[in-house]
Amino acid sequence: MPNWCEGSLKVRGTISQLREFVLNGLCPVDWRGGHLPEVKLEDPESDTSILSDGCVECALWIKGTRRHFCKPHFIEVYAETPEEKVVLVLPFKAAWGIDAEDLRKISESYHIDMKIFGVERGMEFCQDIEIADGVVVKSEQITYDDWDWDCPFPEMGG
């Protein structure tokens, strides 16, 4: 059983870019990895919002990654205009650690930006990753001399 690096995945783009990522880049799976019905949007034609019941009984595997998942209870994003870039925030976890190269490829495919700060309590490290339209801007692994005191979220992950 893996240790989990947990945090929040922030995905930035226009509503159409985020919709494409949600519908084609996320795959509902059960606890054994079996595929479930695809994510359904409440109004698939809207150019200023994304609304979905997310995945209450499952996880959303991020396609193209080894073992990266998000677990939203619902997905909700609004924009003033179709051209406005907005941020979708998803609870996130990855087995053992976050693979910036896998996420870079996804970012490049969907023309989205991704940012995550993940915490892995078992091995006592954090990862700080930022990717902008397919370019890794930051990919750092952070360790602390005093985990419980210095880590911003010492009880996450593990």
C-alpha atoms as a PDB file:
ATOM      1  CA  MET A   1       0.000   0.000   0.000  1.00  0.00           C
ATOM      2  CA  PRO A   2       1.477   3.378  -0.966  1.00  0.00           C
ATOM      3  CA  ASN A   3       2.022   6.455   1.095  1.00  0.00           C
ATOM      4  CA  TRP A   4      -0.106   9.302  -0.278  1.00  0.00           C
ATOM      5  CA  CYS A   5       1.080  12.785  -1.140  1.00  0.00           C
ATOM      6  CA  GLU A   6      -2.021  14.940  -0.571  1.00  0.00           C
ATOM      7  CA  GLY A   7      -2.987  18.515  -1.302  1.00  0.00           C
ATOM      8  CA  SER A   8      -5.170  20.647  -3.539  1.00  0.00           C
ATOM      9  CA  LEU A   9      -4.739  20.648  -7.290  1.00  0.00           C
ATOM     10  CA  LYS A  10      -5.449  24.059  -8.813  1.00  0.00           C
ATOM     11  CA  VAL A  11      -6.237  24.032 -12.526  1.00  0.00           C
ATOM     12  CA  ARG A  12      -6.454  27.369 -14.369  1.00  0.00           C
ATOM     13  CA  GLY A  13      -7.914  28.012 -17.800  1.00  0.00           C
ATOM     14  CA  THR A  14     -10.996  29.214 -19.619  1.00  0.00           C
ATOM     15  CA  ILE A  15     -14.283  27.435 -19.008  1.00  0.00           C
ATOM     16  CA  SER A  16     -13.944  25.581 -22.328  1.00  0.00           C
ATOM     17  CA  GLN A  17     -10.389  24.438 -21.463  1.00  0.00           C
ATOM     18  CA  LEU A  18     -11.440  23.329 -17.974  1.00  0.00           C
ATOM     19  CA  ARG A  19     -14.529  21.564 -19.349  1.00  0.00           C
ATOM     20  CA  GLU A  20     -12.334  19.655 -21.815  1.00  0.00           C
ATOM     21  CA  PHE A  21     -10.002  18.632 -18.973  1.00  0.00           C
ATOM     22  CA  VAL A  22     -12.873  17.533 -16.693  1.00  0.00           C
ATOM     23  CA  LEU A  23     -14.670  15.543 -19.393  1.00  0.00           C
ATOM     24  CA  ASN A  24     -11.657  13.977 -21.119  1.00  0.00           C
ATOM     25  CA  GLY A  25      -8.790  14.171 -18.614  1.00  0.00           C
ATOM     26  CA  LEU A  26     -10.541  12.765 -15.541  1.00  0.00           C
ATOM     27  CA  CYS A  27     -11.807   9.196 -15.307  1.00  0.00           C
ATOM     28  CA  PRO A  28     -14.074   8.038 -12.437  1.00  0.00           C
ATOM     29  CA  VAL A  29     -12.737   4.854 -10.844  1.00  0.00           C
ATOM     30  CA  ASP A  30     -13.728   2.709  -7.885  1.00  0.00           C
ATOM     31  CA  TRP A  31     -11.360   1.813  -5.051  1.00  0.00           C
ATOM     32  CA  ARG A  32      -9.884  -1.058  -7.113  1.00  0.00           C
ATOM     33  CA  GLY A  33      -9.271   1.093 -10.189  1.00  0.00           C
ATOM     34  CA  GLY A  34     -12.292  -0.142 -12.142  1.00  0.00           C
ATOM     35  CA  HIS A  35     -13.799   2.419 -14.492  1.00  0.00           C
ATOM     36  CA  LEU A  36     -17.172   3.946 -13.626  1.00  0.00           C
ATOM     37  CA  PRO A  37     -19.566   6.107 -15.719  1.00  0.00           C
ATOM     38  CA  GLU A  38     -17.990   9.325 -17.033  1.00  0.00           C
ATOM     39  CA  VAL A  39     -18.363  12.706 -15.315  1.00  0.00           C
ATOM     40  CA  LYS A  40     -21.649  14.377 -16.312  1.00  0.00           C
ATOM     41  CA  LEU A  41     -22.091  18.146 -16.446  1.00  0.00           C
ATOM     42  CA  GLU A  42     -25.376  19.808 -15.487  1.00  0.00           C
ATOM     43  CA  ASP A  43     -25.226  22.244 -18.431  1.00  0.00           C
ATOM     44  CA  PRO A  44     -22.721  20.977 -21.023  1.00  0.00           C
ATOM     45  CA  GLU A  45     -23.473  23.910 -23.372  1.00  0.00           C
ATOM     46  CA  SER A  46     -22.693  26.744 -20.926  1.00  0.00           C
ATOM     47  CA  ASP A  47     -19.727  28.897 -21.910  1.00  0.00           C
ATOM     48  CA  THR A  48     -19.381  30.546 -18.474  1.00  0.00           C
ATOM     49  CA  SER A  49     -19.822  27.710 -15.938  1.00  0.00           C
ATOM     50  CA  ILE A  50     -19.031  24.107 -15.120  1.00  0.00           C
ATOM     51  CA  LEU A  51     -21.338  22.313 -12.686  1.00  0.00           C
ATOM     52  CA  SER A  52     -21.211  18.626 -11.857  1.00  0.00           C
ATOM     53  CA  ASP A  53     -21.975  16.380  -8.930  1.00  0.00           C
ATOM     54  CA  GLY A  54     -18.354  15.282  -9.200  1.00  0.00           C
ATOM     55  CA  CYS A  55     -17.714  11.863  -7.800  1.00  0.00           C
ATOM     56  CA  VAL A  56     -19.192  11.172  -4.372  1.00  0.00           C
ATOM     57  CA  GLU A  57     -18.609   7.399  -4.319  1.00  0.00           C
ATOM     58  CA  CYS A  58     -15.389   7.285  -6.311  1.00  0.00           C
ATOM     59  CA  ALA A  59     -12.127   8.976  -7.173  1.00  0.00           C
ATOM     60  CA  LEU A  60     -11.248  10.709 -10.430  1.00  0.00           C
ATOM     61  CA  TRP A  61      -8.067   9.289 -11.927  1.00  0.00           C
ATOM     62  CA  ILE A  62      -6.080  11.909 -13.829  1.00  0.00           C
ATOM     63  CA  LYS A  63      -5.590  10.176 -17.185  1.00  0.00           C
ATOM     64  CA  GLY A  64      -1.974   9.951 -18.270  1.00  0.00           C
ATOM     65  CA  THR A  65      -0.614   9.656 -14.719  1.00  0.00           C
ATOM     66  CA  ARG A  66       0.527   6.569 -12.913  1.00  0.00           C
ATOM     67  CA  ARG A  67      -1.513   6.987  -9.695  1.00  0.00           C
ATOM     68  CA  HIS A  68      -2.740  10.582  -9.377  1.00  0.00           C
ATOM     69  CA  PHE A  69      -6.334  11.144  -8.257  1.00  0.00           C
ATOM     70  CA  CYS A  70      -8.718  13.870  -7.187  1.00  0.00           C
ATOM     71  CA  LYS A  71     -11.808  13.389  -5.050  1.00  0.00           C
ATOM     72  CA  PRO A  72     -14.266  16.241  -5.505  1.00  0.00           C
ATOM     73  CA  HIS A  73     -17.730  16.004  -3.992  1.00  0.00           C
ATOM     74  CA  PHE A  74     -18.814  18.448  -6.683  1.00  0.00           C
ATOM     75  CA  ILE A  75     -17.233  20.538  -9.416  1.00  0.00           C
ATOM     76  CA  GLU A  76     -18.312  24.174  -9.665  1.00  0.00           C
ATOM     77  CA  VAL A  77     -16.600  26.973 -11.612  1.00  0.00           C
ATOM     78  CA  TYR A  78     -18.007  30.270 -12.918  1.00  0.00           C
ATOM     79  CA  ALA A  79     -16.568  32.948 -15.206  1.00  0.00           C
ATOM     80  CA  GLU A  80     -17.820  36.419 -16.157  1.00  0.00           C
ATOM     81  CA  THR A  81     -16.945  35.881 -19.830  1.00  0.00           C
ATOM     82  CA  PRO A  82     -15.951  32.849 -21.958  1.00  0.00           C
ATOM     83  CA  GLU A  83     -12.410  34.289 -22.369  1.00  0.00           C
ATOM     84  CA  GLU A  84     -11.785  34.784 -18.630  1.00  0.00           C
ATOM     85  CA  LYS A  85      -9.335  32.388 -16.987  1.00  0.00           C
ATOM     86  CA  VAL A  86     -10.653  30.890 -13.769  1.00  0.00           C
ATOM     87  CA  VAL A  87      -9.369  28.365 -11.234  1.00  0.00           C
ATOM     88  CA  LEU A  88     -10.811  24.926 -10.481  1.00  0.00           C
ATOM     89  CA  VAL A  89      -9.620  23.531  -7.116  1.00  0.00           C
ATOM     90  CA  LEU A  90      -9.737  19.760  -6.596  1.00  0.00           C
ATOM     91  CA  PRO A  91      -8.752  17.671  -3.535  1.00  0.00           C
ATOM     92  CA  PHE A  92      -5.749  15.671  -4.746  1.00  0.00           C
ATOM     93  CA  LYS A  93      -3.586  12.711  -3.836  1.00  0.00           C
ATOM     94  CA  ALA A  94      -0.795  10.828  -5.571  1.00  0.00           C
ATOM     95  CA  ALA A  95       0.769   7.494  -4.659  1.00  0.00           C
ATOM     96  CA  TRP A  96       4.277   8.057  -3.273  1.00  0.00           C
ATOM     97  CA  GLY A  97       4.786  11.481  -4.873  1.00  0.00           C
ATOM     98  CA  ILE A  98       3.699  13.882  -7.603  1.00  0.00           C
ATOM     99  CA  ASP A  99       5.075  13.330 -11.109  1.00  0.00           C
ATOM    100  CA  ALA A 100       5.564  16.803 -12.613  1.00  0.00           C
ATOM    101  CA  GLU A 101       6.343  15.389 -16.070  1.00  0.00           C
ATOM    102  CA  ASP A 102       3.006  13.556 -16.297  1.00  0.00           C
ATOM    103  CA  LEU A 103       1.198  16.737 -15.261  1.00  0.00           C
ATOM    104  CA  ARG A 104       3.260  18.794 -17.728  1.00  0.00           C
ATOM    105  CA  LYS A 105       2.004  16.645 -20.598  1.00  0.00           C
ATOM    106  CA  ILE A 106      -1.590  17.053 -19.425  1.00  0.00           C
ATOM    107  CA  SER A 107      -1.134  20.803 -19.085  1.00  0.00           C
ATOM    108  CA  GLU A 108       0.240  20.956 -22.613  1.00  0.00           C
ATOM    109  CA  SER A 109      -2.594  18.822 -24.040  1.00  0.00           C
ATOM    110  CA  TYR A 110      -5.420  20.887 -22.539  1.00  0.00           C
ATOM    111  CA  HIS A 111      -3.643  24.297 -22.553  1.00  0.00           C
ATOM    112  CA  ILE A 112      -4.210  24.675 -18.825  1.00  0.00           C
ATOM    113  CA  ASP A 113      -2.046  25.709 -15.900  1.00  0.00           C
ATOM    114  CA  MET A 114      -1.632  23.481 -12.840  1.00  0.00           C
ATOM    115  CA  LYS A 115      -0.404  24.234  -9.358  1.00  0.00           C
ATOM    116  CA  ILE A 116      -0.150  21.908  -6.378  1.00  0.00           C
ATOM    117  CA  PHE A 117       1.422  21.813  -2.961  1.00  0.00           C
ATOM    118  CA  GLY A 118       1.429  18.207  -1.759  1.00  0.00           C
ATOM    119  CA  VAL A 119       2.313  16.798   1.665  1.00  0.00           C
ATOM    120  CA  GLU A 120       3.621  13.275   2.291  1.00  0.00           C
ATOM    121  CA  ARG A 121       3.667  12.698   6.056  1.00  0.00           C
ATOM    122  CA  GLY A 122       5.087   9.156   6.001  1.00  0.00           C
ATOM    123  CA  MET A 123       8.363  10.065   4.263  1.00  0.00           C
ATOM    124  CA  GLU A 124       8.180  13.664   5.580  1.00  0.00           C
ATOM    125  CA  PHE A 125       8.455  15.746   2.431  1.00  0.00           C
ATOM    126  CA  CYS A 126       6.376  18.277   0.534  1.00  0.00           C
ATOM    127  CA  GLN A 127       6.265  18.954  -3.188  1.00  0.00           C
ATOM    128  CA  ASP A 128       5.604  22.390  -4.672  1.00  0.00           C
ATOM    129  CA  ILE A 129       4.798  22.215  -8.398  1.00  0.00           C
ATOM    130  CA  GLU A 130       3.619  24.805 -10.888  1.00  0.00           C
ATOM    131  CA  ILE A 131       3.080  24.203 -14.605  1.00  0.00           C
ATOM    132  CA  ALA A 132       2.004  26.856 -17.114  1.00  0.00           C
ATOM    133  CA  ASP A 133       0.670  25.688 -20.498  1.00  0.00           C
ATOM    134  CA  GLY A 134       3.005  22.716 -20.700  1.00  0.00           C
ATOM    135  CA  VAL A 135       6.083  24.299 -19.097  1.00  0.00           C
ATOM    136  CA  VAL A 136       7.270  23.290 -15.609  1.00  0.00           C
ATOM    137  CA  VAL A 137       7.779  26.617 -13.835  1.00  0.00           C
ATOM    138  CA  LYS A 138       8.559  25.082 -10.438  1.00  0.00           C
ATOM    139  CA  SER A 139       9.136  21.551  -9.174  1.00  0.00           C
ATOM    140  CA  GLU A 140      10.618  21.459  -5.699  1.00  0.00           C
ATOM    141  CA  GLN A 141      10.808  18.805  -3.019  1.00  0.00           C
ATOM    142  CA  ILE A 142      10.895  20.313   0.461  1.00  0.00           C
ATOM    143  CA  THR A 143      12.089  18.608   3.635  1.00  0.00           C
ATOM    144  CA  TYR A 144      12.127  19.981   7.168  1.00  0.00           C
ATOM    145  CA  ASP A 145      14.431  19.478  10.147  1.00  0.00           C
ATOM    146  CA  ASP A 146      11.419  19.530  12.492  1.00  0.00           C
ATOM    147  CA  TRP A 147       8.472  18.101  10.531  1.00  0.00           C
ATOM    148  CA  ASP A 148       5.758  18.734  13.111  1.00  0.00           C
ATOM    149  CA  TRP A 149       6.786  22.336  13.694  1.00  0.00           C
ATOM    150  CA  ASP A 150       7.977  23.533  10.277  1.00  0.00           C
ATOM    151  CA  CYS A 151       5.676  21.725   7.838  1.00  0.00           C
ATOM    152  CA  PRO A 152       2.574  23.833   7.070  1.00  0.00           C
ATOM    153  CA  PHE A 153       0.286  20.736   7.134  1.00  0.00           C
ATOM    154  CA  PRO A 154       2.095  18.034   9.161  1.00  0.00           C
ATOM    155  CA  GLU A 155      -0.973  15.790   9.521  1.00  0.00           C
ATOM    156  CA  MET A 156      -1.703  15.481   5.751  1.00  0.00           C
ATOM    157  CA  GLY A 157      -0.666  12.587   3.536  1.00  0.00           C
ATOM    158  CA  GLY A 158       1.092   9.494   4.634  1.00  0.00           C
END
